[in-house]
Protein backbone atom coordinates (compact mmCIF):
# COMPACT_ATOMS: atom_id res chain seq x y z
CA MET A 1 14.56 -133.84 12.26
CA ARG A 2 13.05 -132.57 9.02
CA LYS A 3 9.68 -132.25 10.74
CA ALA A 4 11.30 -130.19 13.46
CA LEU A 5 12.99 -127.96 10.89
CA ARG A 6 9.72 -127.51 8.98
CA TRP A 7 7.98 -126.57 12.24
CA LEU A 8 10.73 -124.08 13.09
CA LEU A 9 10.57 -122.56 9.59
CA SER A 10 6.79 -122.23 9.89
CA LEU A 11 7.19 -120.49 13.25
CA VAL A 12 9.71 -118.03 11.80
CA VAL A 13 7.36 -117.23 8.91
CA LEU A 14 4.47 -116.75 11.34
CA ILE A 15 6.49 -114.42 13.54
CA GLY A 16 7.61 -112.50 10.48
CA THR A 17 4.02 -112.17 9.29
CA VAL A 18 2.81 -110.94 12.66
CA GLY A 19 5.75 -108.52 12.89
CA ALA A 20 5.06 -107.17 9.42
CA ALA A 21 1.41 -106.70 10.30
CA GLY A 22 2.44 -104.77 13.40
CA VAL A 23 4.73 -102.49 11.39
CA THR A 24 1.97 -101.91 8.84
CA ALA A 25 -0.52 -101.03 11.57
CA GLN A 26 1.99 -98.64 13.12
CA ALA A 27 2.67 -97.00 9.77
CA ALA A 28 -1.05 -96.53 9.24
CA THR A 29 -1.24 -94.34 12.33
CA ALA A 30 1.90 -92.36 11.58
CA ALA A 31 2.19 -89.05 9.77
CA GLY A 32 2.26 -90.70 6.37
CA ALA A 33 -0.63 -92.42 4.62
CA GLY A 34 -1.34 -96.05 5.51
CA THR A 35 -3.83 -98.82 4.86
CA GLY A 36 -5.33 -98.73 8.36
CA PRO A 37 -7.82 -96.25 9.83
CA ASP A 38 -6.85 -92.66 9.09
CA ILE A 39 -5.86 -90.75 12.22
CA LYS A 40 -8.21 -87.92 11.34
CA ASP A 41 -11.14 -90.33 11.21
CA GLN A 42 -10.16 -91.74 14.60
CA ILE A 43 -9.98 -88.29 16.14
CA LEU A 44 -13.25 -87.09 14.64
CA ALA A 45 -14.97 -90.25 15.88
CA VAL A 46 -14.53 -88.87 19.42
CA PRO A 47 -17.95 -87.59 20.54
CA GLY A 48 -17.95 -83.79 20.63
CA MET A 49 -14.81 -83.41 18.47
CA SER A 50 -15.00 -81.41 15.23
CA LEU A 51 -12.44 -80.26 12.67
CA ILE A 52 -11.70 -76.59 12.04
CA GLU A 53 -8.87 -77.25 9.59
CA GLU A 54 -5.93 -79.51 8.81
CA LYS A 55 -2.60 -77.92 7.95
CA PRO A 56 0.10 -80.01 6.28
CA TYR A 57 3.57 -80.18 7.78
CA PRO A 58 6.37 -82.58 6.75
CA GLY A 59 6.58 -85.61 9.03
CA TYR A 60 3.39 -84.76 10.92
CA ARG A 61 -0.35 -84.33 10.62
CA PHE A 62 -1.57 -81.10 12.21
CA PHE A 63 -5.20 -80.51 13.12
CA VAL A 64 -7.01 -77.49 14.54
CA LEU A 65 -10.06 -78.81 16.38
CA ASN A 66 -13.03 -77.90 18.55
CA TYR A 67 -14.11 -80.04 21.47
CA GLU A 68 -17.46 -79.65 23.16
CA GLN A 69 -17.02 -79.05 26.88
CA PRO A 70 -19.46 -78.47 29.75
CA VAL A 71 -19.63 -74.84 30.78
CA ASP A 72 -19.67 -76.12 34.37
CA HIS A 73 -18.16 -79.55 34.98
CA ARG A 74 -20.01 -79.79 38.28
CA GLN A 75 -23.32 -79.30 36.48
CA PRO A 76 -22.75 -80.55 32.91
CA TRP A 77 -26.42 -80.40 32.05
CA LYS A 78 -26.27 -76.59 32.16
CA GLY A 79 -24.86 -76.22 28.67
CA THR A 80 -21.68 -76.59 26.65
CA PHE A 81 -19.18 -74.51 24.72
CA LYS A 82 -16.60 -75.27 22.05
CA GLN A 83 -13.02 -75.29 23.25
CA ARG A 84 -10.28 -74.98 20.65
CA LEU A 85 -7.30 -77.31 20.62
CA THR A 86 -4.61 -78.41 18.20
CA LEU A 87 -3.04 -81.80 17.62
CA LEU A 88 0.42 -82.29 16.20
CA HIS A 89 0.30 -85.98 15.29
CA LYS A 90 3.46 -88.00 14.76
CA ASP A 91 2.62 -91.60 15.57
CA THR A 92 0.31 -93.36 18.01
CA SER A 93 3.26 -95.49 19.09
CA ARG A 94 4.98 -92.37 20.47
CA PRO A 95 4.28 -90.60 23.79
CA THR A 96 2.05 -87.54 23.87
CA VAL A 97 2.76 -84.15 25.41
CA PHE A 98 -0.21 -82.13 26.68
CA PHE A 99 0.77 -78.48 26.29
CA THR A 100 -1.05 -75.49 27.74
CA SER A 101 -0.01 -71.86 27.47
CA GLY A 102 -2.72 -70.73 29.90
CA TYR A 103 -3.91 -68.34 27.19
CA ASN A 104 -4.94 -68.68 23.55
CA VAL A 105 -3.78 -71.67 21.55
CA ASN A 106 -1.46 -71.12 18.59
CA PRO A 107 -3.31 -72.27 15.44
CA ASN A 108 0.01 -73.09 13.74
CA PRO A 109 2.13 -76.21 14.31
CA ARG A 110 4.61 -75.81 17.14
CA ARG A 111 6.55 -78.15 19.44
CA SER A 112 7.20 -77.58 23.12
CA GLU A 113 10.61 -78.56 24.45
CA PRO A 114 9.37 -81.82 26.03
CA THR A 115 7.85 -82.78 22.68
CA THR A 116 11.28 -82.54 21.05
CA ILE A 117 12.93 -84.35 23.95
CA VAL A 118 10.61 -87.37 23.62
CA ASP A 119 9.91 -87.05 19.86
CA GLY A 120 6.21 -87.31 20.49
CA ASN A 121 2.76 -86.07 19.61
CA GLN A 122 1.49 -82.81 21.07
CA VAL A 123 -2.01 -81.81 22.12
CA SER A 124 -2.33 -78.06 22.81
CA LEU A 125 -5.43 -76.73 24.55
CA GLU A 126 -6.78 -73.20 24.62
CA TYR A 127 -7.61 -72.01 28.14
CA ARG A 128 -11.32 -71.62 28.78
CA PHE A 129 -12.76 -68.09 28.37
CA PHE A 130 -10.01 -67.00 25.99
CA THR A 131 -11.73 -66.10 22.72
CA PRO A 132 -13.08 -68.05 20.87
CA SER A 133 -13.18 -70.71 23.63
CA ARG A 134 -15.68 -68.74 25.69
CA PRO A 135 -19.23 -69.72 26.64
CA ASP A 136 -21.94 -67.38 25.42
CA PRO A 137 -23.32 -65.97 27.63
CA ALA A 138 -20.24 -66.05 29.84
CA ASP A 139 -20.77 -66.79 33.52
CA TRP A 140 -17.35 -65.78 34.83
CA ALA A 141 -17.87 -67.77 38.01
CA ASN A 142 -17.08 -70.82 35.87
CA LEU A 143 -13.54 -69.58 35.19
CA ASP A 144 -11.38 -71.19 37.86
CA ILE A 145 -8.44 -73.56 38.04
CA TRP A 146 -10.54 -76.64 38.82
CA GLN A 147 -12.81 -76.08 35.82
CA ALA A 148 -9.75 -75.64 33.58
CA ALA A 149 -8.13 -78.79 34.97
CA SER A 150 -11.39 -80.63 34.29
CA ASP A 151 -11.26 -79.40 30.68
CA GLN A 152 -7.85 -81.06 30.36
CA HIS A 153 -9.05 -84.23 32.05
CA ARG A 154 -11.90 -84.64 29.55
CA VAL A 155 -9.60 -84.04 26.56
CA PHE A 156 -7.09 -86.56 27.90
CA SER A 157 -9.83 -89.11 28.58
CA ALA A 158 -11.19 -88.64 25.05
CA LEU A 159 -7.81 -89.11 23.33
CA LYS A 160 -6.06 -91.66 25.55
CA ALA A 161 -7.56 -94.60 23.64
CA ILE A 162 -6.06 -93.25 20.39
CA TYR A 163 -2.73 -92.31 21.99
CA PRO A 164 -2.18 -95.11 24.53
CA LYS A 165 1.49 -94.45 25.33
CA ASN A 166 2.69 -92.24 28.18
CA TRP A 167 1.52 -88.65 28.52
CA LEU A 168 3.34 -85.62 29.94
CA ALA A 169 1.79 -82.27 30.86
CA THR A 170 3.78 -79.12 30.19
CA GLY A 171 3.53 -75.38 29.80
CA GLY A 172 5.41 -72.18 30.48
CA SER A 173 4.50 -69.42 32.93
CA LYS A 174 0.70 -69.48 33.29
CA GLY A 175 0.88 -72.66 31.24
CA GLY A 176 3.27 -74.13 33.80
CA MET A 177 0.82 -73.14 36.51
CA THR A 178 -1.96 -74.78 34.51
CA ALA A 179 -0.01 -78.04 34.16
CA THR A 180 0.64 -78.01 37.91
CA TYR A 181 -2.99 -77.40 38.81
CA TYR A 182 -4.05 -80.20 36.46
CA GLU A 183 -1.71 -82.57 38.29
CA ARG A 184 -3.06 -81.41 41.63
CA PHE A 185 -6.70 -82.19 40.72
CA TYR A 186 -6.15 -85.20 38.43
CA PRO A 187 -2.91 -86.84 39.61
CA GLY A 188 -3.73 -90.13 37.91
CA ASP A 189 -3.80 -88.77 34.35
CA MET A 190 -0.23 -87.80 33.48
CA ASP A 191 2.98 -89.81 33.70
CA GLY A 192 5.01 -86.66 34.35
CA VAL A 193 4.82 -82.87 34.50
CA VAL A 194 7.35 -80.34 33.17
CA ALA A 195 6.39 -76.88 34.43
CA TYR A 196 8.44 -73.96 33.19
CA VAL A 197 8.78 -70.64 35.10
CA ALA A 198 5.55 -71.27 37.03
CA PRO A 199 4.83 -68.58 39.68
CA ASN A 200 3.51 -69.74 43.03
CA ASP A 201 1.85 -66.83 44.83
CA VAL A 202 0.94 -68.74 47.97
CA LYS A 203 -0.26 -65.69 49.93
CA ASP A 204 -1.41 -62.77 47.83
CA THR A 205 -0.84 -60.18 50.55
CA GLU A 206 2.79 -61.19 51.15
CA ASP A 207 5.03 -60.11 48.28
CA SER A 208 8.32 -59.23 49.99
CA ALA A 209 10.09 -61.95 47.95
CA TYR A 210 9.81 -59.71 44.89
CA ASP A 211 11.31 -56.73 46.73
CA ARG A 212 14.27 -58.89 47.74
CA PHE A 213 14.63 -60.10 44.16
CA PHE A 214 14.83 -56.60 42.68
CA LYS A 215 17.50 -55.58 45.19
CA LYS A 216 19.95 -58.19 43.94
CA VAL A 217 19.05 -59.19 40.36
CA GLY A 218 21.72 -58.57 37.72
CA THR A 219 24.27 -55.91 38.62
CA LYS A 220 23.97 -52.67 40.58
CA GLU A 221 24.93 -50.72 37.46
CA CYS A 222 22.11 -52.25 35.46
CA ARG A 223 19.57 -51.87 38.27
CA ASP A 224 20.49 -48.20 38.66
CA LYS A 225 20.13 -47.51 34.93
CA LEU A 226 16.68 -49.09 34.82
CA ASN A 227 15.51 -47.34 37.98
CA ALA A 228 16.70 -43.98 36.64
CA VAL A 229 14.80 -44.32 33.36
CA GLN A 230 11.68 -45.44 35.20
CA ARG A 231 11.89 -42.48 37.58
CA GLU A 232 12.57 -40.06 34.72
CA ALA A 233 9.47 -41.28 32.91
CA LEU A 234 7.40 -40.14 35.89
CA VAL A 235 9.34 -36.89 36.29
CA ARG A 236 8.51 -36.12 32.65
CA ARG A 237 4.92 -37.33 32.99
CA GLU A 238 3.37 -34.20 31.43
CA PRO A 239 5.21 -34.15 28.07
CA LEU A 240 5.21 -37.93 27.78
CA GLU A 241 1.50 -38.18 28.56
CA ALA A 242 0.87 -35.63 25.80
CA LYS A 243 2.78 -37.95 23.48
CA TYR A 244 0.71 -40.86 24.83
CA ALA A 245 -2.55 -39.03 24.10
CA ALA A 246 -1.46 -38.42 20.51
CA TYR A 247 -0.37 -42.06 20.20
CA ALA A 248 -3.75 -43.25 21.51
CA ALA A 249 -5.67 -40.95 19.16
CA ASP A 250 -3.66 -42.12 16.17
CA ASN A 251 -4.35 -45.78 17.00
CA GLY A 252 -7.92 -45.50 18.27
CA TYR A 253 -6.98 -46.57 21.79
CA THR A 254 -9.31 -45.91 24.74
CA PHE A 255 -8.97 -46.23 28.53
CA THR A 256 -12.43 -47.09 29.87
CA THR A 257 -11.39 -50.24 31.76
CA VAL A 258 -8.36 -48.85 33.60
CA GLY A 259 -10.15 -45.54 34.12
CA SER A 260 -7.90 -42.90 32.60
CA LEU A 261 -4.90 -42.29 30.39
CA ASP A 262 -2.97 -41.22 33.49
CA LYS A 263 -3.56 -44.56 35.20
CA ALA A 264 -2.63 -46.47 32.08
CA TYR A 265 0.53 -44.41 31.61
CA GLU A 266 1.72 -45.04 35.14
CA ALA A 267 0.89 -48.76 34.94
CA VAL A 268 3.13 -49.06 31.86
CA VAL A 269 5.95 -47.13 33.51
CA LEU A 270 5.77 -49.14 36.73
CA ASP A 271 6.06 -52.34 34.68
CA TYR A 272 9.33 -51.15 33.12
CA VAL A 273 11.88 -52.72 35.48
CA TRP A 274 9.88 -55.93 35.94
CA ALA A 275 9.32 -56.34 32.20
CA PHE A 276 13.00 -55.81 31.46
CA TRP A 277 14.10 -58.69 33.68
CA GLN A 278 11.21 -60.86 32.55
CA TYR A 279 12.01 -60.64 28.84
CA SER A 280 15.59 -59.32 28.56
CA LEU A 281 19.03 -60.43 29.67
CA LEU A 282 21.78 -58.75 31.66
CA ALA A 283 23.64 -58.27 28.37
CA ASP A 284 20.77 -56.05 27.17
CA CYS A 285 21.50 -53.40 29.80
CA GLY A 286 23.65 -51.64 27.24
CA THR A 287 20.48 -50.71 25.33
CA ILE A 288 19.08 -48.71 28.27
CA PRO A 289 19.56 -44.94 27.76
CA ASP A 290 21.26 -42.64 30.24
CA ALA A 291 18.29 -41.04 31.94
CA ALA A 292 20.16 -37.82 32.76
CA THR A 293 20.93 -37.03 29.12
CA ALA A 294 18.14 -38.89 27.29
CA THR A 295 15.58 -36.97 25.23
CA ASP A 296 11.86 -37.41 25.82
CA GLN A 297 11.74 -39.55 22.70
CA GLN A 298 14.50 -41.84 23.99
CA ILE A 299 12.71 -42.32 27.31
CA TRP A 300 9.45 -43.00 25.45
CA ASP A 301 11.09 -45.47 23.07
CA SER A 302 12.76 -47.42 25.86
CA VAL A 303 9.59 -47.70 27.95
CA ASP A 304 7.53 -48.59 24.89
CA ALA A 305 9.99 -51.26 23.74
CA ILE A 306 10.13 -52.92 27.16
CA SER A 307 6.67 -52.32 28.70
CA GLY A 308 4.51 -51.45 25.69
CA PHE A 309 2.27 -48.38 25.77
CA SER A 310 -0.63 -50.30 24.26
CA ALA A 311 -0.71 -52.73 27.19
CA TYR A 312 -3.30 -51.03 29.39
CA THR A 313 -5.54 -49.60 26.69
CA ASP A 314 -8.97 -51.20 26.37
CA GLN A 315 -7.78 -52.82 23.19
CA GLY A 316 -4.59 -54.18 24.78
CA LEU A 317 -6.41 -55.54 27.82
CA GLN A 318 -9.32 -57.17 26.01
CA THR A 319 -7.53 -60.39 25.03
CA TYR A 320 -6.24 -60.90 28.56
CA THR A 321 -9.42 -60.25 30.54
CA PRO A 322 -9.58 -63.94 31.59
CA TYR A 323 -6.05 -63.78 33.02
CA TYR A 324 -6.66 -60.61 35.03
CA TYR A 325 -9.94 -62.08 36.24
CA GLN A 326 -8.11 -65.16 37.52
CA ALA A 327 -5.34 -63.07 39.04
CA GLY A 328 -7.96 -61.14 40.99
CA THR A 329 -9.98 -64.17 42.07
CA GLN A 330 -7.55 -67.07 42.64
CA LEU A 331 -4.01 -66.75 41.27
CA GLY A 332 -2.96 -63.60 43.06
CA SER A 333 -0.79 -60.84 41.64
CA PRO A 334 2.49 -59.24 42.72
CA ASP A 335 2.75 -55.90 44.48
CA ILE A 336 6.25 -54.48 44.86
CA LYS A 337 7.72 -51.44 46.55
CA GLN A 338 9.83 -49.16 44.37
CA PRO A 339 11.43 -46.72 46.82
CA HIS A 340 13.48 -45.03 44.10
CA LEU A 341 10.24 -43.51 42.75
CA GLY A 342 9.63 -41.53 45.94
CA ASN A 343 6.25 -39.75 45.77
CA LEU A 344 6.15 -39.72 41.97
CA SER A 345 3.82 -42.72 41.81
CA ARG A 346 0.14 -41.83 42.23
CA TYR A 347 -1.36 -45.33 42.16
CA GLY A 348 1.35 -47.90 42.96
CA TYR A 349 1.03 -51.32 41.43
CA GLN A 350 -2.60 -51.43 40.46
CA PRO A 351 -4.68 -54.50 41.33
CA PRO A 352 -6.18 -56.84 38.69
CA ARG A 353 -9.61 -55.34 39.39
CA ASN A 354 -8.46 -52.23 37.48
CA PHE A 355 -7.85 -54.29 34.34
CA VAL A 356 -11.18 -56.12 34.15
CA PRO A 357 -14.39 -54.44 32.94
CA ARG A 358 -16.49 -53.38 35.91
CA GLU A 359 -19.54 -55.33 34.77
CA ILE A 360 -17.65 -58.57 35.52
CA PRO A 361 -17.89 -59.27 39.27
CA MET A 362 -14.72 -60.39 41.09
CA THR A 363 -14.15 -61.74 44.59
CA PHE A 364 -10.77 -63.05 45.70
CA GLN A 365 -10.70 -66.60 47.10
CA PRO A 366 -7.87 -66.83 49.65
CA GLY A 367 -6.42 -70.26 50.25
CA VAL A 368 -6.66 -71.61 46.69
CA MET A 369 -2.97 -71.18 45.92
CA ALA A 370 -1.96 -72.34 49.40
CA ASP A 371 -3.85 -75.58 48.75
CA VAL A 372 -1.91 -76.19 45.53
CA ASP A 373 1.38 -75.31 47.23
CA ARG A 374 0.74 -77.80 50.05
CA TRP A 375 -0.23 -80.50 47.60
CA VAL A 376 2.93 -80.05 45.51
CA ARG A 377 5.18 -80.05 48.58
CA ASP A 378 3.63 -83.24 49.93
CA ASN A 379 2.56 -85.17 46.84
CA ALA A 380 4.68 -84.18 43.85
CA HIS A 381 5.57 -87.28 41.85
CA GLN A 382 7.56 -87.11 38.63
CA MET A 383 7.32 -83.35 38.42
CA LEU A 384 10.03 -80.99 37.14
CA PHE A 385 9.98 -77.23 37.75
CA VAL A 386 12.41 -75.08 35.73
CA TYR A 387 13.04 -71.41 36.59
CA GLY A 388 15.26 -68.60 35.29
CA GLN A 389 17.68 -67.04 37.76
CA ASN A 390 16.87 -63.49 36.63
CA ASP A 391 13.12 -63.94 36.10
CA PRO A 392 10.99 -61.93 38.56
CA TRP A 393 8.23 -64.54 38.46
CA GLY A 394 10.66 -67.04 39.93
CA ALA A 395 10.90 -65.03 43.14
CA GLU A 396 7.98 -67.11 44.43
CA PRO A 397 8.60 -70.61 43.06
CA PHE A 398 7.20 -74.02 43.87
CA HIS A 399 9.10 -75.99 46.51
CA LEU A 400 9.28 -79.72 47.20
CA GLY A 401 8.80 -81.31 50.61
CA TYR A 402 10.33 -84.46 52.08
CA THR A 403 7.52 -86.67 50.77
CA ALA A 404 7.82 -85.53 47.15
CA ARG A 405 9.03 -88.37 44.93
CA ASP A 406 11.23 -88.28 41.84
CA SER A 407 10.62 -84.54 41.47
CA TYR A 408 12.97 -81.61 40.92
CA VAL A 409 13.29 -77.81 40.98
CA MET A 410 16.07 -76.50 38.72
CA ILE A 411 17.28 -72.97 38.00
CA ALA A 412 18.86 -71.86 34.72
CA PRO A 413 21.70 -69.41 35.50
CA GLY A 414 21.25 -65.93 34.06
CA ALA A 415 18.04 -66.94 32.29
CA ASN A 416 14.84 -64.91 32.09
CA HIS A 417 11.19 -65.93 31.69
CA GLY A 418 12.22 -68.04 28.72
CA ALA A 419 14.20 -70.49 30.86
CA ASN A 420 14.10 -74.11 29.74
CA VAL A 421 15.95 -77.40 30.05
CA ALA A 422 18.41 -76.44 27.32
CA LYS A 423 19.58 -73.47 29.44
CA LEU A 424 20.34 -75.49 32.57
CA LEU A 425 23.87 -76.35 33.62
CA ASP A 426 25.12 -79.50 31.90
CA GLY A 427 24.57 -81.86 34.82
CA GLU A 428 21.02 -80.72 35.49
CA LYS A 429 20.26 -80.58 31.77
CA ALA A 430 21.31 -84.21 31.40
CA LEU A 431 19.28 -85.25 34.45
CA ALA A 432 16.20 -83.33 33.34
CA THR A 433 16.38 -84.73 29.80
CA ALA A 434 16.82 -88.28 31.09
CA LYS A 435 13.91 -87.93 33.51
CA ILE A 436 11.56 -86.50 30.87
CA GLN A 437 12.39 -89.42 28.57
CA GLU A 438 12.03 -91.91 31.41
CA TRP A 439 8.62 -90.55 32.42
CA ALA A 440 7.52 -90.62 28.78
CA GLY A 441 8.54 -94.26 28.52
CA VAL A 442 11.13 -93.75 25.81
CA GLY A 443 14.80 -94.65 25.87
CA PRO A 444 17.70 -92.37 25.05
CA ALA A 445 18.83 -91.91 21.49
CA ALA A 446 21.31 -94.46 20.15
CA GLY A 447 24.84 -93.20 20.53
CA ALA A 448 28.11 -93.62 22.28
CA ARG A 449 27.98 -95.34 25.65
CA GLY A 450 27.83 -92.72 28.39
CA ALA A 451 26.78 -89.90 26.07
CA ALA A 452 24.65 -87.18 27.68
CA PRO A 453 20.91 -87.59 27.06
CA ALA A 454 19.67 -85.45 24.20
CA PRO A 455 16.34 -84.64 22.53
CA LEU A 456 15.14 -87.50 20.34
CA ALA A 457 13.61 -85.26 17.65
CA ALA A 458 15.76 -83.49 15.10
CA PRO A 459 15.71 -79.68 15.45
CA ASP A 460 13.17 -77.82 13.32
CA ALA A 461 13.51 -74.04 13.13
CA TYR A 462 9.81 -73.54 12.41
CA LEU A 463 8.27 -76.04 14.81
CA ASP A 464 10.59 -75.15 17.67
CA GLN A 465 10.35 -71.37 17.60
CA PRO A 466 9.21 -69.90 20.93
CA GLU A 467 5.74 -68.49 21.33
CA GLU A 468 5.54 -64.73 20.84
CA ARG A 469 4.68 -62.86 24.02
CA THR A 470 3.64 -59.29 24.66
CA ALA A 471 5.66 -57.60 27.41
CA GLN A 472 3.27 -56.99 30.30
CA LEU A 473 3.24 -57.68 34.00
CA ARG A 474 1.63 -61.11 33.70
CA PRO A 475 3.03 -64.66 33.65
């Protein structure tokens, strides 16, 4: 009996020792210091990975990094470029969220909504060809959705050994599109996808969905106010363009890419209604001036606040050249009728070609978006699409077919282009939160039996602030 007790005691001690060793190893990989390998050393041991800087943040380690990528994944021997990414490290025992904005990466620590829901790590990747993640010289033919998805695949493959738990892909707008395209080309990488307000322009020449959207969005009173200001801005084109010329001179703005100040002016004005619904709420209609009594300055101020008169200057377009290139070669771009403008519009909605320097060749590739749309309808697995009811980009959303599995499309009532899980109705919010946690391989937070699922990470006003966006007609 004593021998048996001594054996049992020895087993308990052994288990305790192994458990303590496991906790120590876990602590070594967490945000705090530990006795095991430092997480920075593990990351920098990845071939092609280099450190730009580390920024301290309580409870995390935050790294700004470069990763060497092939310029052309189909022909990797043809050269490489450095692609910028960031890593918000919490613990290697937690799931990891792969975030893409579809544009530049934010060099400061931020958390996407799924990262807070699963209390995980976050890898954020800059989209190829956005400065400084641009090959030199730049062969623009290598900017397409497959190449970008292959960038993500290589980053995931490089970091999966360090972060072995479940991974989710996410992003908003063009970032939501990017997460979707990644899943289409590399469906074995991620354990789930959360795509926010992701447009799905299946056929670039068919845009009637947007016309139907603008006939019913919000209230008639609000629509009429917006249409009247937009029309008045074209009626008063001469005095307002004089103001625009002075504004451009004062700020050193030029119009070589779009072709003229007149074209740029009209492009900004024609964005006015779209940009309002994209970034504002129905409650903001009270800020719109009465076009019949408004001064020139009031019309100018309203259009500038909502559309932004710097948007189509050379300087305003420069950062977004890669987006407009993609819109004009694969993604497609909306074209809407605005009958309330009558014959006041000289150019209509201008195509992406007008917003890309002429020395960059562009040829549209029909069928690329239709391929993605078919794939999502037929093959979506553990994918969640979230849209805002009043967001113009949601007029052409992704849809799920009969063979999609464990996937969802949800609409946040009254929400704009900032729609997220938190803005869904309670039932859908609970379902979406539970599914994101399930796909990430983490259980719900401890609490009362039957309590609605909630984010596992405590709120952080700095980490959780939304990305700043410039109001323009782009996702």
